[in-house]
Amino acid sequence: MPRILIGAGFEEYKAFLTTAGMAAVGLLGVVVAAVLVERVGRKWILAITGPLSALALVIVAFVVDIPSAAVFWLLVFGFVVQVAIPVLYTYVSELYPTELRGSGFGWASTFSRLGAGFGPLIFASVLWPQLGLATSFTLAGGLVLLAVLWMAFFSPETKQHALD
């Protein structure tokens, strides 16, 4: 994110400070996730936070030249995505039966880490230079929507269910 902000004209320290702020508001997001996870359910939280975080990044791409707006939407993103992440870890581990939970979650986490490693590389070297920031974030947001739709129709809700 700092590279995007610096490219949009942010001074280096402001770009890194904004990114740090994004992580700081994420702490509040984790608290909100802990409060809501048993009340609302994993699927609903993910169904709301996934598209909202993607939308926040698309908005950032369109307002990146307006520093105050870009900072605001990055803070929104930092909060919303950190509501999603702990819920996602909880949800994914609960999808596996007890005897497979450790290895199943391990494999899921491995693929998550691969995506977290290669995703930014592909974004920075292919998508952003070829398609631009707004189109790249919109494409990523579309993939998030597809994942949420898949989850909505094909994945169970695990809220208040006993683990097998």
Protein backbone atom coordinates (compact mmCIF):
# COMPACT_ATOMS: atom_id res chain seq x y z
CA MET A 1 0.00 0.00 0.00
CA PRO A 2 2.78 2.51 0.69
CA ARG A 3 3.97 2.15 -2.91
CA ILE A 4 0.50 3.02 -4.21
CA LEU A 5 0.28 6.05 -1.93
CA ILE A 6 3.77 7.27 -2.80
CA GLY A 7 2.89 6.88 -6.48
CA ALA A 8 -0.16 9.06 -5.87
CA GLY A 9 1.99 11.83 -4.42
CA PHE A 10 2.05 11.03 -0.70
CA GLU A 11 5.31 11.79 1.04
CA GLU A 12 7.02 8.59 2.11
CA TYR A 13 6.46 9.07 5.83
CA LYS A 14 2.76 9.87 5.27
CA ALA A 15 2.35 6.76 3.14
CA PHE A 16 3.84 4.56 5.86
CA LEU A 17 1.94 6.40 8.62
CA THR A 18 -1.32 5.82 6.75
CA THR A 19 -0.49 2.13 6.38
CA ALA A 20 0.30 1.95 10.10
CA GLY A 21 -3.02 3.66 10.84
CA MET A 22 -4.76 1.07 8.72
CA ALA A 23 -3.24 -1.65 10.91
CA ALA A 24 -4.05 0.27 14.12
CA VAL A 25 -7.78 0.58 13.38
CA GLY A 26 -7.64 -3.12 12.60
CA LEU A 27 -7.22 -3.76 16.33
CA LEU A 28 -10.71 -2.33 16.84
CA GLY A 29 -11.91 -4.55 14.00
CA VAL A 30 -10.67 -7.64 15.83
CA VAL A 31 -12.59 -6.60 18.96
CA VAL A 32 -15.76 -6.08 16.90
CA ALA A 33 -15.27 -9.52 15.34
CA ALA A 34 -14.95 -11.13 18.77
CA VAL A 35 -18.17 -9.47 19.93
CA LEU A 36 -20.19 -10.31 16.80
CA VAL A 37 -18.98 -13.77 15.78
CA GLU A 38 -21.35 -15.78 17.99
CA ARG A 39 -24.25 -13.36 17.63
CA VAL A 40 -24.26 -12.83 13.88
CA GLY A 41 -22.53 -15.95 12.59
CA ARG A 42 -19.40 -16.55 10.58
CA LYS A 43 -21.00 -16.64 7.14
CA TRP A 44 -22.90 -13.38 7.61
CA ILE A 45 -19.86 -11.52 8.89
CA LEU A 46 -17.77 -12.77 5.96
CA ALA A 47 -20.58 -12.10 3.48
CA ILE A 48 -20.70 -8.47 4.63
CA THR A 49 -17.04 -7.72 5.31
CA GLY A 50 -15.64 -9.35 2.16
CA PRO A 51 -17.50 -7.16 -0.33
CA LEU A 52 -17.22 -4.07 1.93
CA SER A 53 -13.45 -4.38 2.16
CA ALA A 54 -13.22 -4.86 -1.61
CA LEU A 55 -15.48 -1.85 -2.18
CA ALA A 56 -13.32 0.26 0.14
CA LEU A 57 -10.24 -0.56 -1.96
CA VAL A 58 -12.06 0.25 -5.20
CA ILE A 59 -13.04 3.62 -3.71
CA VAL A 60 -9.41 4.17 -2.63
CA ALA A 61 -8.33 3.61 -6.23
CA PHE A 62 -10.73 6.31 -7.44
CA VAL A 63 -9.84 8.87 -4.73
CA VAL A 64 -6.14 8.13 -4.28
CA ASP A 65 -5.29 11.61 -5.61
CA ILE A 66 -7.37 13.19 -2.81
CA PRO A 67 -5.24 12.48 0.26
CA SER A 68 -7.90 12.97 2.95
CA ALA A 69 -10.39 10.75 1.11
CA ALA A 70 -7.76 8.10 0.41
CA VAL A 71 -6.70 8.01 4.06
CA PHE A 72 -10.33 7.77 5.22
CA TRP A 73 -11.14 4.85 2.91
CA LEU A 74 -7.90 3.06 3.77
CA LEU A 75 -8.81 3.30 7.44
CA VAL A 76 -12.27 1.92 6.61
CA PHE A 77 -10.57 -0.93 4.74
CA GLY A 78 -8.19 -1.60 7.64
CA PHE A 79 -11.09 -1.84 10.07
CA VAL A 80 -13.38 -3.97 7.90
CA VAL A 81 -10.73 -6.43 6.75
CA GLN A 82 -9.65 -6.99 10.35
CA VAL A 83 -13.22 -7.83 11.29
CA ALA A 84 -13.12 -10.48 8.55
CA ILE A 85 -9.74 -12.11 9.13
CA PRO A 86 -10.22 -13.61 12.63
CA VAL A 87 -13.71 -14.75 11.64
CA LEU A 88 -12.30 -16.37 8.51
CA TYR A 89 -9.70 -18.29 10.53
CA THR A 90 -12.40 -19.46 12.94
CA TYR A 91 -14.79 -20.43 10.17
CA VAL A 92 -12.29 -22.35 8.05
CA SER A 93 -11.06 -24.44 10.97
CA GLU A 94 -14.65 -25.31 11.95
CA LEU A 95 -15.44 -26.67 8.49
CA TYR A 96 -13.28 -29.76 9.06
CA PRO A 97 -14.28 -32.71 11.25
CA THR A 98 -12.23 -33.03 14.43
CA GLU A 99 -9.99 -35.85 13.15
CA LEU A 100 -9.04 -33.77 10.07
CA ARG A 101 -9.13 -30.28 11.58
CA GLY A 102 -5.40 -29.88 12.13
CA SER A 103 -4.28 -31.06 8.71
CA GLY A 104 -7.27 -29.51 6.91
CA PHE A 105 -6.69 -26.11 8.45
CA GLY A 106 -2.96 -26.51 7.84
CA TRP A 107 -3.54 -27.04 4.12
CA ALA A 108 -6.03 -24.17 3.96
CA SER A 109 -3.55 -21.92 5.75
CA THR A 110 -0.76 -22.99 3.38
CA PHE A 111 -2.78 -22.00 0.33
CA SER A 112 -3.76 -18.76 2.06
CA ARG A 113 -0.09 -17.95 2.64
CA LEU A 114 0.76 -18.76 -0.97
CA GLY A 115 -1.99 -16.40 -2.10
CA ALA A 116 -0.80 -13.74 0.32
CA GLY A 117 2.71 -14.06 -1.10
CA PHE A 118 1.98 -14.32 -4.80
CA GLY A 119 -1.08 -12.05 -4.87
CA PRO A 120 0.80 -8.80 -4.24
CA LEU A 121 3.55 -9.83 -6.66
CA ILE A 122 1.05 -10.48 -9.44
CA PHE A 123 -0.85 -7.32 -8.56
CA ALA A 124 2.24 -5.09 -8.57
CA SER A 125 3.95 -6.61 -11.61
CA VAL A 126 1.03 -7.48 -13.90
CA LEU A 127 -2.40 -6.18 -12.93
CA TRP A 128 -1.67 -2.66 -11.73
CA PRO A 129 0.74 -1.74 -14.58
CA GLN A 130 -1.48 -3.28 -17.28
CA LEU A 131 -4.99 -2.49 -16.03
CA GLY A 132 -4.54 0.43 -13.66
CA LEU A 133 -5.34 0.66 -9.99
CA ALA A 134 -9.13 1.01 -10.17
CA THR A 135 -9.61 -1.86 -12.64
CA SER A 136 -7.23 -4.10 -10.68
CA PHE A 137 -9.04 -3.50 -7.40
CA THR A 138 -12.41 -3.93 -9.13
CA LEU A 139 -11.27 -7.26 -10.57
CA ALA A 140 -10.10 -8.39 -7.12
CA GLY A 141 -13.43 -7.23 -5.68
CA GLY A 142 -15.27 -9.30 -8.28
CA LEU A 143 -13.32 -12.36 -7.19
CA VAL A 144 -14.27 -11.64 -3.58
CA LEU A 145 -17.94 -11.46 -4.60
CA LEU A 146 -17.66 -14.82 -6.37
CA ALA A 147 -16.08 -16.35 -3.27
CA VAL A 148 -18.84 -14.93 -1.06
CA LEU A 149 -21.53 -16.31 -3.39
CA TRP A 150 -19.85 -19.72 -3.36
CA MET A 151 -19.72 -19.63 0.44
CA ALA A 152 -23.36 -18.54 0.69
CA PHE A 153 -24.64 -21.44 -1.37
CA PHE A 154 -22.20 -24.26 -0.66
CA SER A 155 -20.76 -23.77 2.83
CA PRO A 156 -22.52 -24.43 6.14
CA GLU A 157 -23.00 -21.92 8.94
CA THR A 158 -21.06 -23.06 12.00
CA LYS A 159 -22.48 -20.59 14.53
CA GLN A 160 -23.53 -22.36 17.74
CA HIS A 161 -22.94 -25.82 16.25
CA ALA A 162 -21.05 -28.44 18.20
CA LEU A 163 -17.75 -29.38 16.63
CA ASP A 164 -17.68 -32.94 15.27
